[in-house]
PDB file of all heavy atoms in Angstrom:
ATOM      1  N   GLN A   1      11.093   2.470  -1.321  1.00  0.00           N
ATOM      2  CA  GLN A   1      12.032   2.826  -0.216  1.00  0.00           C
ATOM      3  C   GLN A   1      11.240   3.341   1.048  1.00  0.00           C
ATOM      4  O   GLN A   1      11.506   2.942   2.128  1.00  0.00           O
ATOM      5  CB  GLN A   1      13.007   3.919  -0.677  1.00  0.00           C
ATOM      6  CG  GLN A   1      14.079   3.440  -1.611  1.00  0.00           C
ATOM      7  CD  GLN A   1      14.970   4.591  -2.082  1.00  0.00           C
ATOM      8  OE1 GLN A   1      14.777   5.720  -1.744  1.00  0.00           O
ATOM      9  NE2 GLN A   1      15.950   4.307  -2.887  1.00  0.00           N
ATOM     10  N   ARG A   2      10.344   4.242   0.761  1.00  0.00           N
ATOM     11  CA  ARG A   2       9.583   4.912   1.875  1.00  0.00           C
ATOM     12  C   ARG A   2       8.649   3.908   2.507  1.00  0.00           C
ATOM     13  O   ARG A   2       8.555   3.923   3.761  1.00  0.00           O
ATOM     14  CB  ARG A   2       8.796   6.048   1.259  1.00  0.00           C
ATOM     15  CG  ARG A   2       7.857   6.701   2.214  1.00  0.00           C
ATOM     16  CD  ARG A   2       8.468   7.480   3.362  1.00  0.00           C
ATOM     17  NE  ARG A   2       7.529   8.205   4.085  1.00  0.00           N
ATOM     18  CZ  ARG A   2       6.839   7.750   5.133  1.00  0.00           C
ATOM     19  NH1 ARG A   2       7.006   6.489   5.537  1.00  0.00           N
ATOM     20  NH2 ARG A   2       6.045   8.486   5.822  1.00  0.00           N
ATOM     21  N   PHE A   3       7.826   3.200   1.782  1.00  0.00           N
ATOM     22  CA  PHE A   3       6.890   2.206   2.262  1.00  0.00           C
ATOM     23  C   PHE A   3       7.234   0.730   1.998  1.00  0.00           C
ATOM     24  O   PHE A   3       6.432   0.020   1.507  1.00  0.00           O
ATOM     25  CB  PHE A   3       5.484   2.541   1.687  1.00  0.00           C
ATOM     26  CG  PHE A   3       4.928   3.908   1.959  1.00  0.00           C
ATOM     27  CD1 PHE A   3       4.844   4.842   0.987  1.00  0.00           C
ATOM     28  CD2 PHE A   3       4.455   4.191   3.214  1.00  0.00           C
ATOM     29  CE1 PHE A   3       4.317   6.065   1.211  1.00  0.00           C
ATOM     30  CE2 PHE A   3       3.881   5.444   3.513  1.00  0.00           C
ATOM     31  CZ  PHE A   3       3.832   6.431   2.521  1.00  0.00           C
ATOM     32  N   ALA A   4       8.448   0.303   2.341  1.00  0.00           N
ATOM     33  CA  ALA A   4       9.009  -0.954   1.948  1.00  0.00           C
ATOM     34  C   ALA A   4       8.091  -2.078   2.558  1.00  0.00           C
ATOM     35  O   ALA A   4       7.610  -2.937   1.842  1.00  0.00           O
ATOM     36  CB  ALA A   4      10.408  -1.121   2.410  1.00  0.00           C
ATOM     37  N   ALA A   5       7.776  -1.964   3.854  1.00  0.00           N
ATOM     38  CA  ALA A   5       6.947  -3.024   4.532  1.00  0.00           C
ATOM     39  C   ALA A   5       5.567  -3.034   3.931  1.00  0.00           C
ATOM     40  O   ALA A   5       5.065  -4.176   3.682  1.00  0.00           O
ATOM     41  CB  ALA A   5       6.975  -2.826   6.024  1.00  0.00           C
ATOM     42  N   GLN A   6       4.923  -1.882   3.849  1.00  0.00           N
ATOM     43  CA  GLN A   6       3.580  -1.828   3.327  1.00  0.00           C
ATOM     44  C   GLN A   6       3.448  -2.308   1.909  1.00  0.00           C
ATOM     45  O   GLN A   6       2.464  -2.942   1.524  1.00  0.00           O
ATOM     46  CB  GLN A   6       2.994  -0.420   3.415  1.00  0.00           C
ATOM     47  CG  GLN A   6       2.746   0.057   4.869  1.00  0.00           C
ATOM     48  CD  GLN A   6       3.829   0.860   5.441  1.00  0.00           C
ATOM     49  OE1 GLN A   6       5.000   0.729   4.977  1.00  0.00           O
ATOM     50  NE2 GLN A   6       3.622   1.661   6.392  1.00  0.00           N
ATOM     51  N   MET A   7       4.437  -1.995   1.056  1.00  0.00           N
ATOM     52  CA  MET A   7       4.450  -2.420  -0.347  1.00  0.00           C
ATOM     53  C   MET A   7       4.435  -3.944  -0.392  1.00  0.00           C
ATOM     54  O   MET A   7       3.735  -4.528  -1.189  1.00  0.00           O
ATOM     55  CB  MET A   7       5.602  -1.789  -1.097  1.00  0.00           C
ATOM     56  CG  MET A   7       5.458  -0.361  -1.453  1.00  0.00           C
ATOM     57  SD  MET A   7       4.292  -0.077  -2.799  1.00  0.00           S
ATOM     58  CE  MET A   7       5.154  -0.583  -4.219  1.00  0.00           C
ATOM     59  N   THR A   8       5.312  -4.575   0.364  1.00  0.00           N
ATOM     60  CA  THR A   8       5.364  -6.043   0.288  1.00  0.00           C
ATOM     61  C   THR A   8       4.085  -6.691   0.834  1.00  0.00           C
ATOM     62  O   THR A   8       3.603  -7.720   0.313  1.00  0.00           O
ATOM     63  CB  THR A   8       6.544  -6.594   1.087  1.00  0.00           C
ATOM     64  OG1 THR A   8       6.498  -6.124   2.457  1.00  0.00           O
ATOM     65  CG2 THR A   8       7.886  -6.205   0.411  1.00  0.00           C
ATOM     66  N   LEU A   9       3.494  -6.041   1.856  1.00  0.00           N
ATOM     67  CA  LEU A   9       2.218  -6.584   2.381  1.00  0.00           C
ATOM     68  C   LEU A   9       1.085  -6.416   1.364  1.00  0.00           C
ATOM     69  O   LEU A   9       0.301  -7.370   1.098  1.00  0.00           O
ATOM     70  CB  LEU A   9       1.842  -5.779   3.641  1.00  0.00           C
ATOM     71  CG  LEU A   9       2.599  -6.077   4.858  1.00  0.00           C
ATOM     72  CD1 LEU A   9       2.253  -5.087   6.009  1.00  0.00           C
ATOM     73  CD2 LEU A   9       2.425  -7.539   5.333  1.00  0.00           C
ATOM     74  N   LEU A  10       1.008  -5.270   0.728  1.00  0.00           N
ATOM     75  CA  LEU A  10      -0.024  -5.048  -0.364  1.00  0.00           C
ATOM     76  C   LEU A  10       0.151  -5.916  -1.510  1.00  0.00           C
ATOM     77  O   LEU A  10      -0.758  -6.429  -2.139  1.00  0.00           O
ATOM     78  CB  LEU A  10      -0.101  -3.604  -0.695  1.00  0.00           C
ATOM     79  CG  LEU A  10      -0.751  -2.606   0.303  1.00  0.00           C
ATOM     80  CD1 LEU A  10      -0.645  -1.191  -0.167  1.00  0.00           C
ATOM     81  CD2 LEU A  10      -2.165  -3.031   0.563  1.00  0.00           C
ATOM     82  N   CYS A  11       1.427  -6.137  -1.964  1.00  0.00           N
ATOM     83  CA  CYS A  11       1.674  -6.953  -3.121  1.00  0.00           C
ATOM     84  C   CYS A  11       1.402  -8.437  -2.852  1.00  0.00           C
ATOM     85  O   CYS A  11       1.298  -9.269  -3.781  1.00  0.00           O
ATOM     86  CB  CYS A  11       3.154  -6.755  -3.580  1.00  0.00           C
ATOM     87  SG  CYS A  11       3.371  -5.215  -4.360  1.00  0.00           S
ATOM     88  N   SER A  12       1.285  -8.779  -1.543  1.00  0.00           N
ATOM     89  CA  SER A  12       0.887 -10.213  -1.172  1.00  0.00           C
ATOM     90  C   SER A  12      -0.505 -10.528  -1.544  1.00  0.00           C
ATOM     91  O   SER A  12      -0.873 -11.689  -1.597  1.00  0.00           O
ATOM     92  CB  SER A  12       1.221 -10.455   0.228  1.00  0.00           C
ATOM     93  OG  SER A  12       0.296  -9.882   1.088  1.00  0.00           O
ATOM     94  N   ILE A  13      -1.344  -9.526  -1.718  1.00  0.00           N
ATOM     95  CA  ILE A  13      -2.750  -9.680  -2.041  1.00  0.00           C
ATOM     96  C   ILE A  13      -2.888 -10.044  -3.512  1.00  0.00           C
ATOM     97  O   ILE A  13      -2.446  -9.292  -4.358  1.00  0.00           O
ATOM     98  CB  ILE A  13      -3.622  -8.456  -1.759  1.00  0.00           C
ATOM     99  CG1 ILE A  13      -3.476  -8.012  -0.296  1.00  0.00           C
ATOM    100  CG2 ILE A  13      -5.069  -8.660  -2.156  1.00  0.00           C
ATOM    101  CD1 ILE A  13      -4.125  -6.661   0.026  1.00  0.00           C
ATOM    102  N   PRO A  14      -3.513 -11.238  -3.823  1.00  0.00           N
ATOM    103  CA  PRO A  14      -3.687 -11.600  -5.262  1.00  0.00           C
ATOM    104  C   PRO A  14      -4.610 -10.575  -5.949  1.00  0.00           C
ATOM    105  O   PRO A  14      -5.739 -10.319  -5.483  1.00  0.00           O
ATOM    106  CB  PRO A  14      -4.316 -12.955  -5.191  1.00  0.00           C
ATOM    107  CG  PRO A  14      -4.126 -13.486  -3.846  1.00  0.00           C
ATOM    108  CD  PRO A  14      -3.939 -12.284  -2.914  1.00  0.00           C
ATOM    109  N   GLY A  15      -4.149  -9.964  -7.020  1.00  0.00           N
ATOM    110  CA  GLY A  15      -4.938  -9.043  -7.729  1.00  0.00           C
ATOM    111  C   GLY A  15      -4.390  -7.623  -7.644  1.00  0.00           C
ATOM    112  O   GLY A  15      -4.823  -6.722  -8.355  1.00  0.00           O
ATOM    113  N   ILE A  16      -3.493  -7.427  -6.702  1.00  0.00           N
ATOM    114  CA  ILE A  16      -2.887  -6.049  -6.521  1.00  0.00           C
ATOM    115  C   ILE A  16      -1.464  -6.134  -6.809  1.00  0.00           C
ATOM    116  O   ILE A  16      -0.685  -6.933  -6.303  1.00  0.00           O
ATOM    117  CB  ILE A  16      -3.151  -5.488  -5.099  1.00  0.00           C
ATOM    118  CG1 ILE A  16      -4.584  -5.271  -4.839  1.00  0.00           C
ATOM    119  CG2 ILE A  16      -2.277  -4.296  -4.837  1.00  0.00           C
ATOM    120  CD1 ILE A  16      -4.941  -4.630  -3.494  1.00  0.00           C
ATOM    121  N   GLY A  17      -0.998  -5.359  -7.782  1.00  0.00           N
ATOM    122  CA  GLY A  17       0.381  -5.278  -8.224  1.00  0.00           C
ATOM    123  C   GLY A  17       1.143  -4.124  -7.654  1.00  0.00           C
ATOM    124  O   GLY A  17       0.626  -3.425  -6.770  1.00  0.00           O
ATOM    125  N   ARG A  18       2.377  -3.945  -8.071  1.00  0.00           N
ATOM    126  CA  ARG A  18       3.220  -2.935  -7.531  1.00  0.00           C
ATOM    127  C   ARG A  18       2.675  -1.483  -7.737  1.00  0.00           C
ATOM    128  O   ARG A  18       2.660  -0.675  -6.839  1.00  0.00           O
ATOM    129  CB  ARG A  18       4.667  -3.038  -8.113  1.00  0.00           C
ATOM    130  CG  ARG A  18       5.397  -4.211  -7.653  1.00  0.00           C
ATOM    131  CD  ARG A  18       6.718  -4.356  -8.291  1.00  0.00           C
ATOM    132  NE  ARG A  18       7.555  -3.133  -8.240  1.00  0.00           N
ATOM    133  CZ  ARG A  18       8.301  -2.671  -9.154  1.00  0.00           C
ATOM    134  NH1 ARG A  18       8.357  -3.254 -10.325  1.00  0.00           N
ATOM    135  NH2 ARG A  18       8.966  -1.567  -9.022  1.00  0.00           N
ATOM    136  N   LYS A  19       2.231  -1.203  -8.998  1.00  0.00           N
ATOM    137  CA  LYS A  19       1.723   0.079  -9.226  1.00  0.00           C
ATOM    138  C   LYS A  19       0.461   0.449  -8.432  1.00  0.00           C
ATOM    139  O   LYS A  19       0.361   1.545  -7.828  1.00  0.00           O
ATOM    140  CB  LYS A  19       1.434   0.263 -10.748  1.00  0.00           C
ATOM    141  CG  LYS A  19       2.646   0.362 -11.621  1.00  0.00           C
ATOM    142  CD  LYS A  19       2.239   0.638 -13.022  1.00  0.00           C
ATOM    143  CE  LYS A  19       3.391   0.864 -13.892  1.00  0.00           C
ATOM    144  NZ  LYS A  19       3.142   1.127 -15.304  1.00  0.00           N
ATOM    145  N   THR A  20      -0.428  -0.522  -8.344  1.00  0.00           N
ATOM    146  CA  THR A  20      -1.650  -0.269  -7.570  1.00  0.00           C
ATOM    147  C   THR A  20      -1.322  -0.167  -6.101  1.00  0.00           C
ATOM    148  O   THR A  20      -1.907   0.672  -5.398  1.00  0.00           O
ATOM    149  CB  THR A  20      -2.678  -1.364  -7.845  1.00  0.00           C
ATOM    150  OG1 THR A  20      -2.854  -1.509  -9.247  1.00  0.00           O
ATOM    151  CG2 THR A  20      -4.008  -1.059  -7.161  1.00  0.00           C
ATOM    152  N   ALA A  21      -0.415  -0.997  -5.664  1.00  0.00           N
ATOM    153  CA  ALA A  21      -0.062  -0.880  -4.145  1.00  0.00           C
ATOM    154  C   ALA A  21       0.571   0.510  -3.921  1.00  0.00           C
ATOM    155  O   ALA A  21       0.295   1.146  -2.909  1.00  0.00           O
ATOM    156  CB  ALA A  21       0.939  -2.008  -3.849  1.00  0.00           C
ATOM    157  N   GLY A  22       1.413   0.962  -4.799  1.00  0.00           N
ATOM    158  CA  GLY A  22       1.955   2.352  -4.634  1.00  0.00           C
ATOM    159  C   GLY A  22       0.998   3.412  -4.712  1.00  0.00           C
ATOM    160  O   GLY A  22       0.944   4.342  -3.912  1.00  0.00           O
ATOM    161  N   MET A  23      -0.020   3.300  -5.601  1.00  0.00           N
ATOM    162  CA  MET A  23      -1.105   4.263  -5.669  1.00  0.00           C
ATOM    163  C   MET A  23      -1.958   4.234  -4.423  1.00  0.00           C
ATOM    164  O   MET A  23      -2.402   5.264  -3.932  1.00  0.00           O
ATOM    165  CB  MET A  23      -1.988   4.094  -6.905  1.00  0.00           C
ATOM    166  CG  MET A  23      -1.220   4.480  -8.229  1.00  0.00           C
ATOM    167  SD  MET A  23      -2.321   4.426  -9.597  1.00  0.00           S
ATOM    168  CE  MET A  23      -3.338   5.859  -9.307  1.00  0.00           C
ATOM    169  N   LEU A  24      -2.281   3.019  -3.915  1.00  0.00           N
ATOM    170  CA  LEU A  24      -3.005   2.926  -2.661  1.00  0.00           C
ATOM    171  C   LEU A  24      -2.345   3.622  -1.551  1.00  0.00           C
ATOM    172  O   LEU A  24      -2.941   4.348  -0.718  1.00  0.00           O
ATOM    173  CB  LEU A  24      -3.271   1.464  -2.347  1.00  0.00           C
ATOM    174  CG  LEU A  24      -4.521   0.818  -2.919  1.00  0.00           C
ATOM    175  CD1 LEU A  24      -4.502  -0.625  -2.642  1.00  0.00           C
ATOM    176  CD2 LEU A  24      -5.757   1.426  -2.413  1.00  0.00           C
ATOM    177  N   LEU A  25      -1.017   3.411  -1.414  1.00  0.00           N
ATOM    178  CA  LEU A  25      -0.270   4.014  -0.363  1.00  0.00           C
ATOM    179  C   LEU A  25      -0.209   5.518  -0.430  1.00  0.00           C
ATOM    180  O   LEU A  25      -0.372   6.277   0.566  1.00  0.00           O
ATOM    181  CB  LEU A  25       1.156   3.417  -0.242  1.00  0.00           C
ATOM    182  CG  LEU A  25       1.209   1.959   0.275  1.00  0.00           C
ATOM    183  CD1 LEU A  25       2.571   1.372   0.079  1.00  0.00           C
ATOM    184  CD2 LEU A  25       0.757   1.949   1.681  1.00  0.00           C
ATOM    185  N   LEU A  26      -0.060   6.037  -1.701  1.00  0.00           N
ATOM    186  CA  LEU A  26      -0.092   7.484  -1.870  1.00  0.00           C
ATOM    187  C   LEU A  26      -1.456   8.046  -1.594  1.00  0.00           C
ATOM    188  O   LEU A  26      -1.590   9.110  -0.914  1.00  0.00           O
ATOM    189  CB  LEU A  26       0.297   7.821  -3.303  1.00  0.00           C
ATOM    190  CG  LEU A  26       1.804   7.790  -3.625  1.00  0.00           C
ATOM    191  CD1 LEU A  26       2.026   8.059  -5.075  1.00  0.00           C
ATOM    192  CD2 LEU A  26       2.565   8.780  -2.744  1.00  0.00           C
ATOM    193  N   PHE A  27      -2.442   7.354  -2.080  1.00  0.00           N
ATOM    194  CA  PHE A  27      -3.859   7.822  -1.906  1.00  0.00           C
ATOM    195  C   PHE A  27      -4.276   7.839  -0.470  1.00  0.00           C
ATOM    196  O   PHE A  27      -4.831   8.791   0.028  1.00  0.00           O
ATOM    197  CB  PHE A  27      -4.746   6.838  -2.714  1.00  0.00           C
ATOM    198  CG  PHE A  27      -6.253   7.170  -2.557  1.00  0.00           C
ATOM    199  CD1 PHE A  27      -6.863   8.252  -3.092  1.00  0.00           C
ATOM    200  CD2 PHE A  27      -6.996   6.284  -1.735  1.00  0.00           C
ATOM    201  CE1 PHE A  27      -8.171   8.544  -2.913  1.00  0.00           C
ATOM    202  CE2 PHE A  27      -8.342   6.526  -1.561  1.00  0.00           C
ATOM    203  CZ  PHE A  27      -8.926   7.593  -2.109  1.00  0.00           C
ATOM    204  N   ALA A  28      -3.927   6.750   0.247  1.00  0.00           N
ATOM    205  CA  ALA A  28      -4.378   6.620   1.662  1.00  0.00           C
ATOM    206  C   ALA A  28      -3.367   7.131   2.639  1.00  0.00           C
ATOM    207  O   ALA A  28      -3.624   7.093   3.867  1.00  0.00           O
ATOM    208  CB  ALA A  28      -4.793   5.228   1.897  1.00  0.00           C
ATOM    209  N   GLY A  29      -2.240   7.579   2.149  1.00  0.00           N
ATOM    210  CA  GLY A  29      -1.175   8.102   3.108  1.00  0.00           C
ATOM    211  C   GLY A  29      -0.697   7.013   4.006  1.00  0.00           C
ATOM    212  O   GLY A  29      -0.398   7.211   5.179  1.00  0.00           O
ATOM    213  N   GLY A  30      -0.540   5.752   3.468  1.00  0.00           N
ATOM    214  CA  GLY A  30      -0.031   4.717   4.229  1.00  0.00           C
ATOM    215  C   GLY A  30      -1.060   4.137   5.255  1.00  0.00           C
ATOM    216  O   GLY A  30      -0.735   3.375   6.108  1.00  0.00           O
ATOM    217  N   PHE A  31      -2.343   4.483   5.080  1.00  0.00           N
ATOM    218  CA  PHE A  31      -3.410   4.038   5.885  1.00  0.00           C
ATOM    219  C   PHE A  31      -3.249   4.401   7.369  1.00  0.00           C
ATOM    220  O   PHE A  31      -3.773   3.770   8.218  1.00  0.00           O
ATOM    221  CB  PHE A  31      -3.568   2.522   5.825  1.00  0.00           C
ATOM    222  CG  PHE A  31      -3.997   2.009   4.474  1.00  0.00           C
ATOM    223  CD1 PHE A  31      -3.059   1.519   3.607  1.00  0.00           C
ATOM    224  CD2 PHE A  31      -5.304   2.060   4.034  1.00  0.00           C
ATOM    225  CE1 PHE A  31      -3.382   1.080   2.281  1.00  0.00           C
ATOM    226  CE2 PHE A  31      -5.664   1.656   2.771  1.00  0.00           C
ATOM    227  CZ  PHE A  31      -4.742   1.150   1.912  1.00  0.00           C
ATOM    228  N   THR A  32      -2.473   5.514   7.651  1.00  0.00           N
ATOM    229  CA  THR A  32      -2.226   5.894   9.009  1.00  0.00           C
ATOM    230  C   THR A  32      -3.295   6.778   9.567  1.00  0.00           C
ATOM    231  O   THR A  32      -3.493   6.869  10.791  1.00  0.00           O
ATOM    232  CB  THR A  32      -0.879   6.593   9.134  1.00  0.00           C
ATOM    233  OG1 THR A  32      -0.874   7.702   8.226  1.00  0.00           O
ATOM    234  CG2 THR A  32       0.259   5.657   8.834  1.00  0.00           C
ATOM    235  N   HIS A  33      -4.000   7.494   8.742  1.00  0.00           N
ATOM    236  CA  HIS A  33      -5.060   8.486   9.201  1.00  0.00           C
ATOM    237  C   HIS A  33      -6.407   7.905   9.324  1.00  0.00           C
ATOM    238  O   HIS A  33      -7.362   8.719   9.547  1.00  0.00           O
ATOM    239  CB  HIS A  33      -5.077   9.676   8.291  1.00  0.00           C
ATOM    240  CG  HIS A  33      -3.718  10.286   8.070  1.00  0.00           C
ATOM    241  ND1 HIS A  33      -2.963  10.798   9.067  1.00  0.00           N
ATOM    242  CD2 HIS A  33      -3.003  10.453   6.950  1.00  0.00           C
ATOM    243  CE1 HIS A  33      -1.818  11.309   8.616  1.00  0.00           C
ATOM    244  NE2 HIS A  33      -1.776  11.050   7.309  1.00  0.00           N
ATOM    245  N   PHE A  34      -6.616   6.630   9.132  1.00  0.00           N
ATOM    246  CA  PHE A  34      -7.980   6.059   9.081  1.00  0.00           C
ATOM    247  C   PHE A  34      -8.135   5.088  10.279  1.00  0.00           C
ATOM    248  O   PHE A  34      -7.243   4.361  10.599  1.00  0.00           O
ATOM    249  CB  PHE A  34      -8.122   5.267   7.763  1.00  0.00           C
ATOM    250  CG  PHE A  34      -8.094   6.150   6.573  1.00  0.00           C
ATOM    251  CD1 PHE A  34      -6.961   6.071   5.784  1.00  0.00           C
ATOM    252  CD2 PHE A  34      -9.020   7.041   6.257  1.00  0.00           C
ATOM    253  CE1 PHE A  34      -6.823   6.865   4.643  1.00  0.00           C
ATOM    254  CE2 PHE A  34      -9.010   7.845   5.141  1.00  0.00           C
ATOM    255  CZ  PHE A  34      -7.827   7.785   4.323  1.00  0.00           C
ATOM    256  N   ASP A  35      -9.359   5.114  10.843  1.00  0.00           N
ATOM    257  CA  ASP A  35      -9.658   4.263  11.955  1.00  0.00           C
ATOM    258  C   ASP A  35     -10.312   2.969  11.430  1.00  0.00           C
ATOM    259  O   ASP A  35     -10.097   1.905  12.062  1.00  0.00           O
ATOM    260  CB  ASP A  35     -10.720   4.962  12.864  1.00  0.00           C
ATOM    261  CG  ASP A  35     -10.071   6.185  13.526  1.00  0.00           C
ATOM    262  OD1 ASP A  35      -8.868   6.178  13.738  1.00  0.00           O
ATOM    263  OD2 ASP A  35     -10.868   7.098  13.704  1.00  0.00           O
ATOM    264  N   ASN A  36     -11.094   2.967  10.377  1.00  0.00           N
ATOM    265  CA  ASN A  36     -11.668   1.739   9.831  1.00  0.00           C
ATOM    266  C   ASN A  36     -11.766   1.850   8.242  1.00  0.00           C
ATOM    267  O   ASN A  36     -11.496   2.861   7.670  1.00  0.00           O
ATOM    268  CB  ASN A  36     -13.053   1.550  10.415  1.00  0.00           C
ATOM    269  CG  ASN A  36     -14.069   2.661  10.136  1.00  0.00           C
ATOM    270  OD1 ASN A  36     -13.955   3.340   9.114  1.00  0.00           O
ATOM    271  ND2 ASN A  36     -14.981   2.798  11.085  1.00  0.00           N
TER     272      ASN A  36
END
């Protein structure tokens, strides 16, 4: 619900599933705080 667009984008990568996509978004905070 919170990261709907990012979850669909991450799940489009072959090799990354729903759980890993969710963990990546939690870990990186939606990738908003990083420049590279």
